[in-house]
Amino acid sequence: MDLEYADGEPKPRPRDWISGLLLVLTVVILAAIVVLSQGCAAVSADYAAADRMTYDVLAPLARDRWIPGDSLLTDDERDALFLLLQSWDFRIRAAEDSTDGQ
């Protein structure tokens, strides 16, 4: 298997997109946890709206295309990614509920 392009640049490994997606999701979820751990009042309506917009773009792609379409994922890995998306949505809903009326 050739791991480099003709110019010597390394080719991305087949699972590199998973690592990138997990990194993005992890950062967003950790940010939400930090904000929520400081109290619900600390979550601004703008933050909740931005997190919802990010989720609305990434989650459908991950749920409908990336996760099911990756033949390298085990069933356990696939289930873990679906749970991660669900957890992210629950956190956003909690943030949105806490900002109602602000």
PDB file of N, CA and C in Angstrom:
ATOM      1  N   MET A   1       0.846  -1.178   0.000  1.00  0.00           N
ATOM      2  CA  MET A   1       0.000   0.000   0.000  1.00  0.00           C
ATOM      3  C   MET A   1       0.890   1.239   0.000  1.00  0.00           C
ATOM      4  N   ASP A   2       0.674   2.126  -0.958  1.00  0.00           N
ATOM      5  CA  ASP A   2       1.460   3.350  -1.080  1.00  0.00           C
ATOM      6  C   ASP A   2       0.927   4.381  -0.095  1.00  0.00           C
ATOM      7  N   LEU A   3       1.776   4.821   0.828  1.00  0.00           N
ATOM      8  CA  LEU A   3       1.334   5.747   1.870  1.00  0.00           C
ATOM      9  C   LEU A   3       1.708   7.189   1.594  1.00  0.00           C
ATOM     10  N   GLU A   4       2.284   7.464   0.407  1.00  0.00           N
ATOM     11  CA  GLU A   4       2.667   8.839   0.081  1.00  0.00           C
ATOM     12  C   GLU A   4       2.189   9.192  -1.317  1.00  0.00           C
ATOM     13  N   TYR A   5       1.923  10.475  -1.513  1.00  0.00           N
ATOM     14  CA  TYR A   5       1.652  10.987  -2.840  1.00  0.00           C
ATOM     15  C   TYR A   5       2.980  11.112  -3.571  1.00  0.00           C
ATOM     16  N   ALA A   6       2.916  11.379  -4.872  1.00  0.00           N
ATOM     17  CA  ALA A   6       4.137  11.493  -5.674  1.00  0.00           C
ATOM     18  C   ALA A   6       5.064  12.584  -5.156  1.00  0.00           C
ATOM     19  N   ASP A   7       4.523  13.656  -4.561  1.00  0.00           N
ATOM     20  CA  ASP A   7       5.357  14.750  -4.066  1.00  0.00           C
ATOM     21  C   ASP A   7       5.924  14.471  -2.676  1.00  0.00           C
ATOM     22  N   GLY A   8       5.685  13.282  -2.148  1.00  0.00           N
ATOM     23  CA  GLY A   8       6.246  12.918  -0.848  1.00  0.00           C
ATOM     24  C   GLY A   8       5.347  13.206   0.334  1.00  0.00           C
ATOM     25  N   GLU A   9       4.222  13.884   0.092  1.00  0.00           N
ATOM     26  CA  GLU A   9       3.285  14.176   1.177  1.00  0.00           C
ATOM     27  C   GLU A   9       2.595  12.890   1.605  1.00  0.00           C
ATOM     28  N   PRO A  10       2.426  12.696   2.912  1.00  0.00           N
ATOM     29  CA  PRO A  10       1.742  11.471   3.347  1.00  0.00           C
ATOM     30  C   PRO A  10       0.263  11.498   2.980  1.00  0.00           C
ATOM     31  N   LYS A  11      -0.259  10.349   2.566  1.00  0.00           N
ATOM     32  CA  LYS A  11      -1.681  10.228   2.285  1.00  0.00           C
ATOM     33  C   LYS A  11      -2.427  10.107   3.611  1.00  0.00           C
ATOM     34  N   PRO A  12      -3.630  10.660   3.674  1.00  0.00           N
ATOM     35  CA  PRO A  12      -4.403  10.499   4.906  1.00  0.00           C
ATOM     36  C   PRO A  12      -4.799   9.033   5.077  1.00  0.00           C
ATOM     37  N   ARG A  13      -4.733   8.577   6.297  1.00  0.00           N
ATOM     38  CA  ARG A  13      -5.175   7.214   6.586  1.00  0.00           C
ATOM     39  C   ARG A  13      -6.690   7.178   6.449  1.00  0.00           C
ATOM     40  N   PRO A  14      -7.253   6.005   6.131  1.00  0.00           N
ATOM     41  CA  PRO A  14      -8.707   5.930   5.931  1.00  0.00           C
ATOM     42  C   PRO A  14      -9.525   6.398   7.132  1.00  0.00           C
ATOM     43  N   ARG A  15      -8.985   6.293   8.331  1.00  0.00           N
ATOM     44  CA  ARG A  15      -9.768   6.658   9.508  1.00  0.00           C
ATOM     45  C   ARG A  15      -9.439   8.053  10.018  1.00  0.00           C
ATOM     46  N   ASP A  16      -8.654   8.839   9.264  1.00  0.00           N
ATOM     47  CA  ASP A  16      -8.302  10.184   9.714  1.00  0.00           C
ATOM     48  C   ASP A  16      -9.531  11.061   9.919  1.00  0.00           C
ATOM     49  N   TRP A  17     -10.576  10.915   9.096  1.00  0.00           N
ATOM     50  CA  TRP A  17     -11.771  11.748   9.266  1.00  0.00           C
ATOM     51  C   TRP A  17     -12.449  11.432  10.580  1.00  0.00           C
ATOM     52  N   ILE A  18     -12.369  10.175  11.034  1.00  0.00           N
ATOM     53  CA  ILE A  18     -12.979   9.814  12.310  1.00  0.00           C
ATOM     54  C   ILE A  18     -12.248  10.530  13.434  1.00  0.00           C
ATOM     55  N   SER A  19     -10.923  10.532  13.361  1.00  0.00           N
ATOM     56  CA  SER A  19     -10.140  11.223  14.386  1.00  0.00           C
ATOM     57  C   SER A  19     -10.486  12.701  14.410  1.00  0.00           C
ATOM     58  N   GLY A  20     -10.604  13.302  13.238  1.00  0.00           N
ATOM     59  CA  GLY A  20     -10.959  14.718  13.171  1.00  0.00           C
ATOM     60  C   GLY A  20     -12.341  14.993  13.725  1.00  0.00           C
ATOM     61  N   LEU A  21     -13.301  14.147  13.357  1.00  0.00           N
ATOM     62  CA  LEU A  21     -14.668  14.320  13.856  1.00  0.00           C
ATOM     63  C   LEU A  21     -14.712  14.152  15.368  1.00  0.00           C
ATOM     64  N   LEU A  22     -14.033  13.129  15.869  1.00  0.00           N
ATOM     65  CA  LEU A  22     -14.017  12.914  17.313  1.00  0.00           C
ATOM     66  C   LEU A  22     -13.361  14.082  18.041  1.00  0.00           C
ATOM     67  N   LEU A  23     -12.312  14.643  17.452  1.00  0.00           N
ATOM     68  CA  LEU A  23     -11.654  15.791  18.069  1.00  0.00           C
ATOM     69  C   LEU A  23     -12.604  16.983  18.131  1.00  0.00           C
ATOM     70  N   VAL A  24     -13.291  17.277  17.034  1.00  0.00           N
ATOM     71  CA  VAL A  24     -14.234  18.397  17.014  1.00  0.00           C
ATOM     72  C   VAL A  24     -15.353  18.174  18.021  1.00  0.00           C
ATOM     73  N   LEU A  25     -15.937  16.970  17.996  1.00  0.00           N
ATOM     74  CA  LEU A  25     -17.033  16.681  18.922  1.00  0.00           C
ATOM     75  C   LEU A  25     -16.565  16.735  20.367  1.00  0.00           C
ATOM     76  N   THR A  26     -15.378  16.225  20.632  1.00  0.00           N
ATOM     77  CA  THR A  26     -14.847  16.232  21.988  1.00  0.00           C
ATOM     78  C   THR A  26     -14.650  17.658  22.491  1.00  0.00           C
ATOM     79  N   VAL A  27     -14.076  18.514  21.655  1.00  0.00           N
ATOM     80  CA  VAL A  27     -13.852  19.906  22.056  1.00  0.00           C
ATOM     81  C   VAL A  27     -15.181  20.612  22.327  1.00  0.00           C
ATOM     82  N   VAL A  28     -16.151  20.414  21.441  1.00  0.00           N
ATOM     83  CA  VAL A  28     -17.447  21.070  21.625  1.00  0.00           C
ATOM     84  C   VAL A  28     -18.139  20.564  22.888  1.00  0.00           C
ATOM     85  N   ILE A  29     -18.110  19.250  23.091  1.00  0.00           N
ATOM     86  CA  ILE A  29     -18.769  18.686  24.269  1.00  0.00           C
ATOM     87  C   ILE A  29     -18.056  19.105  25.542  1.00  0.00           C
ATOM     88  N   LEU A  30     -16.727  19.115  25.534  1.00  0.00           N
ATOM     89  CA  LEU A  30     -16.001  19.563  26.727  1.00  0.00           C
ATOM     90  C   LEU A  30     -16.288  21.032  27.029  1.00  0.00           C
ATOM     91  N   ALA A  31     -16.380  21.843  25.993  1.00  0.00           N
ATOM     92  CA  ALA A  31     -16.721  23.253  26.213  1.00  0.00           C
ATOM     93  C   ALA A  31     -18.110  23.376  26.827  1.00  0.00           C
ATOM     94  N   ALA A  32     -19.036  22.574  26.341  1.00  0.00           N
ATOM     95  CA  ALA A  32     -20.392  22.607  26.896  1.00  0.00           C
ATOM     96  C   ALA A  32     -20.395  22.147  28.350  1.00  0.00           C
ATOM     97  N   ILE A  33     -19.614  21.120  28.655  1.00  0.00           N
ATOM     98  CA  ILE A  33     -19.540  20.629  30.037  1.00  0.00           C
ATOM     99  C   ILE A  33     -18.966  21.698  30.961  1.00  0.00           C
ATOM    100  N   VAL A  34     -17.918  22.371  30.523  1.00  0.00           N
ATOM    101  CA  VAL A  34     -17.313  23.422  31.340  1.00  0.00           C
ATOM    102  C   VAL A  34     -18.311  24.540  31.599  1.00  0.00           C
ATOM    103  N   VAL A  35     -18.996  24.956  30.545  1.00  0.00           N
ATOM    104  CA  VAL A  35     -19.966  26.040  30.697  1.00  0.00           C
ATOM    105  C   VAL A  35     -21.110  25.607  31.601  1.00  0.00           C
ATOM    106  N   LEU A  36     -21.629  24.405  31.384  1.00  0.00           N
ATOM    107  CA  LEU A  36     -22.757  23.935  32.177  1.00  0.00           C
ATOM    108  C   LEU A  36     -22.367  23.660  33.625  1.00  0.00           C
ATOM    109  N   SER A  37     -21.121  23.259  33.855  1.00  0.00           N
ATOM    110  CA  SER A  37     -20.689  22.979  35.231  1.00  0.00           C
ATOM    111  C   SER A  37     -20.572  24.256  36.050  1.00  0.00           C
ATOM    112  N   GLN A  38     -20.505  25.388  35.392  1.00  0.00           N
ATOM    113  CA  GLN A  38     -20.416  26.660  36.105  1.00  0.00           C
ATOM    114  C   GLN A  38     -21.798  27.193  36.451  1.00  0.00           C
ATOM    115  N   GLY A  39     -22.792  26.427  36.139  1.00  0.00           N
ATOM    116  CA  GLY A  39     -24.167  26.843  36.436  1.00  0.00           C
ATOM    117  C   GLY A  39     -24.907  27.157  35.165  1.00  0.00           C
ATOM    118  N   CYS A  40     -26.178  26.835  35.168  1.00  0.00           N
ATOM    119  CA  CYS A  40     -26.981  27.025  33.967  1.00  0.00           C
ATOM    120  C   CYS A  40     -27.060  28.490  33.551  1.00  0.00           C
ATOM    121  N   ALA A  41     -26.983  29.388  34.515  1.00  0.00           N
ATOM    122  CA  ALA A  41     -27.066  30.810  34.195  1.00  0.00           C
ATOM    123  C   ALA A  41     -25.868  31.275  33.380  1.00  0.00           C
ATOM    124  N   ALA A  42     -24.767  30.492  33.416  1.00  0.00           N
ATOM    125  CA  ALA A  42     -23.561  30.882  32.697  1.00  0.00           C
ATOM    126  C   ALA A  42     -23.673  30.658  31.191  1.00  0.00           C
ATOM    127  N   VAL A  43     -24.671  29.903  30.750  1.00  0.00           N
ATOM    128  CA  VAL A  43     -24.827  29.622  29.328  1.00  0.00           C
ATOM    129  C   VAL A  43     -25.606  30.759  28.686  1.00  0.00           C
ATOM    130  N   SER A  44     -24.979  31.392  27.719  1.00  0.00           N
ATOM    131  CA  SER A  44     -25.678  32.472  27.028  1.00  0.00           C
ATOM    132  C   SER A  44     -26.536  31.905  25.918  1.00  0.00           C
ATOM    133  N   ALA A  45     -27.532  32.660  25.552  1.00  0.00           N
ATOM    134  CA  ALA A  45     -28.400  32.250  24.450  1.00  0.00           C
ATOM    135  C   ALA A  45     -27.600  32.168  23.151  1.00  0.00           C
ATOM    136  N   ASP A  46     -26.627  33.057  22.993  1.00  0.00           N
ATOM    137  CA  ASP A  46     -25.784  33.032  21.789  1.00  0.00           C
ATOM    138  C   ASP A  46     -24.949  31.757  21.727  1.00  0.00           C
ATOM    139  N   TYR A  47     -24.401  31.340  22.861  1.00  0.00           N
ATOM    140  CA  TYR A  47     -23.609  30.115  22.896  1.00  0.00           C
ATOM    141  C   TYR A  47     -24.480  28.911  22.549  1.00  0.00           C
ATOM    142  N   ALA A  48     -25.652  28.821  23.141  1.00  0.00           N
ATOM    143  CA  ALA A  48     -26.556  27.709  22.869  1.00  0.00           C
ATOM    144  C   ALA A  48     -26.961  27.692  21.394  1.00  0.00           C
ATOM    145  N   ALA A  49     -27.224  28.859  20.826  1.00  0.00           N
ATOM    146  CA  ALA A  49     -27.601  28.947  19.411  1.00  0.00           C
ATOM    147  C   ALA A  49     -26.439  28.525  18.508  1.00  0.00           C
ATOM    148  N   ALA A  50     -25.231  28.952  18.843  1.00  0.00           N
ATOM    149  CA  ALA A  50     -24.058  28.579  18.046  1.00  0.00           C
ATOM    150  C   ALA A  50     -23.797  27.081  18.123  1.00  0.00           C
ATOM    151  N   ASP A  51     -23.935  26.521  19.312  1.00  0.00           N
ATOM    152  CA  ASP A  51     -23.729  25.084  19.476  1.00  0.00           C
ATOM    153  C   ASP A  51     -24.793  24.305  18.702  1.00  0.00           C
ATOM    154  N   ARG A  52     -26.033  24.788  18.716  1.00  0.00           N
ATOM    155  CA  ARG A  52     -27.118  24.140  17.968  1.00  0.00           C
ATOM    156  C   ARG A  52     -26.818  24.181  16.473  1.00  0.00           C
ATOM    157  N   MET A  53     -26.346  25.332  15.972  1.00  0.00           N
ATOM    158  CA  MET A  53     -26.035  25.439  14.547  1.00  0.00           C
ATOM    159  C   MET A  53     -24.911  24.476  14.156  1.00  0.00           C
ATOM    160  N   THR A  54     -23.895  24.368  14.999  1.00  0.00           N
ATOM    161  CA  THR A  54     -22.798  23.440  14.729  1.00  0.00           C
ATOM    162  C   THR A  54     -23.311  22.009  14.699  1.00  0.00           C
ATOM    163  N   TYR A  55     -24.122  21.663  15.677  1.00  0.00           N
ATOM    164  CA  TYR A  55     -24.705  20.319  15.737  1.00  0.00           C
ATOM    165  C   TYR A  55     -25.564  20.044  14.499  1.00  0.00           C
ATOM    166  N   ASP A  56     -26.390  21.005  14.126  1.00  0.00           N
ATOM    167  CA  ASP A  56     -27.293  20.805  12.996  1.00  0.00           C
ATOM    168  C   ASP A  56     -26.556  20.587  11.677  1.00  0.00           C
ATOM    169  N   VAL A  57     -25.318  21.055  11.578  1.00  0.00           N
ATOM    170  CA  VAL A  57     -24.519  20.829  10.375  1.00  0.00           C
ATOM    171  C   VAL A  57     -23.783  19.490  10.457  1.00  0.00           C
ATOM    172  N   LEU A  58     -23.114  19.232  11.584  1.00  0.00           N
ATOM    173  CA  LEU A  58     -22.263  18.045  11.685  1.00  0.00           C
ATOM    174  C   LEU A  58     -23.014  16.753  11.992  1.00  0.00           C
ATOM    175  N   ALA A  59     -23.991  16.809  12.860  1.00  0.00           N
ATOM    176  CA  ALA A  59     -24.665  15.581  13.306  1.00  0.00           C
ATOM    177  C   ALA A  59     -25.347  14.812  12.172  1.00  0.00           C
ATOM    178  N   PRO A  60     -26.105  15.477  11.286  1.00  0.00           N
ATOM    179  CA  PRO A  60     -26.735  14.701  10.211  1.00  0.00           C
ATOM    180  C   PRO A  60     -25.705  14.026   9.294  1.00  0.00           C
ATOM    181  N   LEU A  61     -24.620  14.716   9.005  1.00  0.00           N
ATOM    182  CA  LEU A  61     -23.577  14.107   8.176  1.00  0.00           C
ATOM    183  C   LEU A  61     -22.976  12.891   8.865  1.00  0.00           C
ATOM    184  N   ALA A  62     -22.673  13.042  10.136  1.00  0.00           N
ATOM    185  CA  ALA A  62     -22.082  11.935  10.883  1.00  0.00           C
ATOM    186  C   ALA A  62     -23.079  10.788  11.020  1.00  0.00           C
ATOM    187  N   ARG A  63     -24.310  11.111  11.397  1.00  0.00           N
ATOM    188  CA  ARG A  63     -25.328  10.096  11.655  1.00  0.00           C
ATOM    189  C   ARG A  63     -25.755   9.357  10.376  1.00  0.00           C
ATOM    190  N   ASP A  64     -25.916  10.090   9.286  1.00  0.00           N
ATOM    191  CA  ASP A  64     -26.487   9.498   8.077  1.00  0.00           C
ATOM    192  C   ASP A  64     -25.450   9.034   7.057  1.00  0.00           C
ATOM    193  N   ARG A  65     -24.253   9.608   7.094  1.00  0.00           N
ATOM    194  CA  ARG A  65     -23.286   9.307   6.042  1.00  0.00           C
ATOM    195  C   ARG A  65     -21.982   8.744   6.583  1.00  0.00           C
ATOM    196  N   TRP A  66     -21.308   9.500   7.467  1.00  0.00           N
ATOM    197  CA  TRP A  66     -19.959   9.109   7.869  1.00  0.00           C
ATOM    198  C   TRP A  66     -19.933   7.839   8.709  1.00  0.00           C
ATOM    199  N   ILE A  67     -20.736   7.794   9.752  1.00  0.00           N
ATOM    200  CA  ILE A  67     -20.687   6.646  10.667  1.00  0.00           C
ATOM    201  C   ILE A  67     -21.190   5.368   9.984  1.00  0.00           C
ATOM    202  N   PRO A  68     -22.378   5.382   9.373  1.00  0.00           N
ATOM    203  CA  PRO A  68     -22.846   4.143   8.733  1.00  0.00           C
ATOM    204  C   PRO A  68     -21.979   3.721   7.544  1.00  0.00           C
ATOM    205  N   GLY A  69     -21.377   4.693   6.873  1.00  0.00           N
ATOM    206  CA  GLY A  69     -20.610   4.394   5.670  1.00  0.00           C
ATOM    207  C   GLY A  69     -19.191   3.941   5.902  1.00  0.00           C
ATOM    208  N   ASP A  70     -18.730   3.953   7.131  1.00  0.00           N
ATOM    209  CA  ASP A  70     -17.345   3.580   7.412  1.00  0.00           C
ATOM    210  C   ASP A  70     -17.260   2.095   7.740  1.00  0.00           C
ATOM    211  N   SER A  71     -16.769   1.326   6.794  1.00  0.00           N
ATOM    212  CA  SER A  71     -16.677  -0.126   6.975  1.00  0.00           C
ATOM    213  C   SER A  71     -15.573  -0.516   7.957  1.00  0.00           C
ATOM    214  N   LEU A  72     -14.710   0.421   8.319  1.00  0.00           N
ATOM    215  CA  LEU A  72     -13.631   0.121   9.260  1.00  0.00           C
ATOM    216  C   LEU A  72     -14.090   0.176  10.718  1.00  0.00           C
ATOM    217  N   LEU A  73     -15.260   0.767  10.966  1.00  0.00           N
ATOM    218  CA  LEU A  73     -15.761   0.862  12.336  1.00  0.00           C
ATOM    219  C   LEU A  73     -16.343  -0.467  12.791  1.00  0.00           C
ATOM    220  N   THR A  74     -16.067  -0.802  14.031  1.00  0.00           N
ATOM    221  CA  THR A  74     -16.729  -1.961  14.622  1.00  0.00           C
ATOM    222  C   THR A  74     -18.131  -1.528  15.061  1.00  0.00           C
ATOM    223  N   ASP A  75     -18.972  -2.492  15.373  1.00  0.00           N
ATOM    224  CA  ASP A  75     -20.313  -2.156  15.858  1.00  0.00           C
ATOM    225  C   ASP A  75     -20.239  -1.350  17.144  1.00  0.00           C
ATOM    226  N   ASP A  76     -19.304  -1.681  18.030  1.00  0.00           N
ATOM    227  CA  ASP A  76     -19.149  -0.938  19.287  1.00  0.00           C
ATOM    228  C   ASP A  76     -18.707   0.501  19.034  1.00  0.00           C
ATOM    229  N   GLU A  77     -17.785   0.705  18.104  1.00  0.00           N
ATOM    230  CA  GLU A  77     -17.343   2.062  17.777  1.00  0.00           C
ATOM    231  C   GLU A  77     -18.484   2.871  17.167  1.00  0.00           C
ATOM    232  N   ARG A  78     -19.236   2.220  16.301  1.00  0.00           N
ATOM    233  CA  ARG A  78     -20.378   2.887  15.662  1.00  0.00           C
ATOM    234  C   ARG A  78     -21.416   3.292  16.722  1.00  0.00           C
ATOM    235  N   ASP A  79     -21.718   2.366  17.627  1.00  0.00           N
ATOM    236  CA  ASP A  79     -22.669   2.668  18.705  1.00  0.00           C
ATOM    237  C   ASP A  79     -22.166   3.804  19.588  1.00  0.00           C
ATOM    238  N   ALA A  80     -20.863   3.807  19.893  1.00  0.00           N
ATOM    239  CA  ALA A  80     -20.285   4.864  20.733  1.00  0.00           C
ATOM    240  C   ALA A  80     -20.402   6.228  20.059  1.00  0.00           C
ATOM    241  N   LEU A  81     -20.195   6.285  18.754  1.00  0.00           N
ATOM    242  CA  LEU A  81     -20.319   7.556  18.039  1.00  0.00           C
ATOM    243  C   LEU A  81     -21.765   8.040  18.003  1.00  0.00           C
ATOM    244  N   PHE A  82     -22.706   7.117  17.821  1.00  0.00           N
ATOM    245  CA  PHE A  82     -24.120   7.508  17.855  1.00  0.00           C
ATOM    246  C   PHE A  82     -24.502   8.024  19.251  1.00  0.00           C
ATOM    247  N   LEU A  83     -23.990   7.388  20.302  1.00  0.00           N
ATOM    248  CA  LEU A  83     -24.252   7.854  21.672  1.00  0.00           C
ATOM    249  C   LEU A  83     -23.625   9.223  21.919  1.00  0.00           C
ATOM    250  N   LEU A  84     -22.447   9.456  21.350  1.00  0.00           N
ATOM    251  CA  LEU A  84     -21.791  10.752  21.482  1.00  0.00           C
ATOM    252  C   LEU A  84     -22.644  11.845  20.858  1.00  0.00           C
ATOM    253  N   LEU A  85     -23.196  11.585  19.683  1.00  0.00           N
ATOM    254  CA  LEU A  85     -24.077  12.562  19.041  1.00  0.00           C
ATOM    255  C   LEU A  85     -25.324  12.814  19.877  1.00  0.00           C
ATOM    256  N   GLN A  86     -25.887  11.754  20.427  1.00  0.00           N
ATOM    257  CA  GLN A  86     -27.086  11.894  21.261  1.00  0.00           C
ATOM    258  C   GLN A  86     -26.781  12.709  22.519  1.00  0.00           C
ATOM    259  N   SER A  87     -25.639  12.438  23.130  1.00  0.00           N
ATOM    260  CA  SER A  87     -25.228  13.180  24.325  1.00  0.00           C
ATOM    261  C   SER A  87     -25.033  14.663  24.007  1.00  0.00           C
ATOM    262  N   TRP A  88     -24.415  14.938  22.868  1.00  0.00           N
ATOM    263  CA  TRP A  88     -24.210  16.319  22.445  1.00  0.00           C
ATOM    264  C   TRP A  88     -25.556  17.022  22.287  1.00  0.00           C
ATOM    265  N   ASP A  89     -26.533  16.361  21.664  1.00  0.00           N
ATOM    266  CA  ASP A  89     -27.859  16.951  21.490  1.00  0.00           C
ATOM    267  C   ASP A  89     -28.534  17.201  22.837  1.00  0.00           C
ATOM    268  N   PHE A  90     -28.423  16.262  23.782  1.00  0.00           N
ATOM    269  CA  PHE A  90     -29.015  16.451  25.111  1.00  0.00           C
ATOM    270  C   PHE A  90     -28.410  17.662  25.812  1.00  0.00           C
ATOM    271  N   ARG A  91     -27.107  17.831  25.693  1.00  0.00           N
ATOM    272  CA  ARG A  91     -26.448  18.981  26.338  1.00  0.00           C
ATOM    273  C   ARG A  91     -26.917  20.297  25.714  1.00  0.00           C
ATOM    274  N   ILE A  92     -27.079  20.293  24.414  1.00  0.00           N
ATOM    275  CA  ILE A  92     -27.566  21.506  23.748  1.00  0.00           C
ATOM    276  C   ILE A  92     -28.988  21.811  24.198  1.00  0.00           C
ATOM    277  N   ARG A  93     -29.821  20.781  24.277  1.00  0.00           N
ATOM    278  CA  ARG A  93     -31.205  21.000  24.728  1.00  0.00           C
ATOM    279  C   ARG A  93     -31.237  21.567  26.141  1.00  0.00           C
ATOM    280  N   ALA A  94     -30.371  21.053  27.006  1.00  0.00           N
ATOM    281  CA  ALA A  94     -30.304  21.573  28.378  1.00  0.00           C
ATOM    282  C   ALA A  94     -29.879  23.036  28.370  1.00  0.00           C
ATOM    283  N   ALA A  95     -28.906  23.373  27.537  1.00  0.00           N
ATOM    284  CA  ALA A  95     -28.451  24.766  27.448  1.00  0.00           C
ATOM    285  C   ALA A  95     -29.561  25.654  26.889  1.00  0.00           C
ATOM    286  N   GLU A  96     -30.269  25.145  25.868  1.00  0.00           N
ATOM    287  CA  GLU A  96     -31.362  25.922  25.295  1.00  0.00           C
ATOM    288  C   GLU A  96     -32.487  26.136  26.313  1.00  0.00           C
ATOM    289  N   ASP A  97     -32.786  25.100  27.081  1.00  0.00           N
ATOM    290  CA  ASP A  97     -33.828  25.228  28.126  1.00  0.00           C
ATOM    291  C   ASP A  97     -33.416  26.227  29.191  1.00  0.00           C
ATOM    292  N   SER A  98     -32.114  26.254  29.510  1.00  0.00           N
ATOM    293  CA  SER A  98     -31.653  27.161  30.565  1.00  0.00           C
ATOM    294  C   SER A  98     -31.616  28.610  30.110  1.00  0.00           C
ATOM    295  N   THR A  99     -31.611  28.822  28.798  1.00  0.00           N
ATOM    296  CA  THR A  99     -31.556  30.197  28.277  1.00  0.00           C
ATOM    297  C   THR A  99     -32.911  30.719  27.848  1.00  0.00           C
ATOM    298  N   ASP A 100     -33.963  29.891  27.953  1.00  0.00           N
ATOM    299  CA  ASP A 100     -35.296  30.356  27.579  1.00  0.00           C
ATOM    300  C   ASP A 100     -35.654  31.583  28.414  1.00  0.00           C
ATOM    301  N   GLY A 101     -36.089  32.609  27.742  1.00  0.00           N
ATOM    302  CA  GLY A 101     -36.497  33.816  28.430  1.00  0.00           C
ATOM    303  C   GLY A 101     -35.362  34.808  28.644  1.00  0.00           C
ATOM    304  N   GLN A 102     -34.170  34.487  28.209  1.00  0.00           N
ATOM    305  CA  GLN A 102     -33.056  35.437  28.353  1.00  0.00           C
ATOM    306  C   GLN A 102     -32.997  36.380  27.185  1.00  0.00           C
TER     307      GLN A 102
END
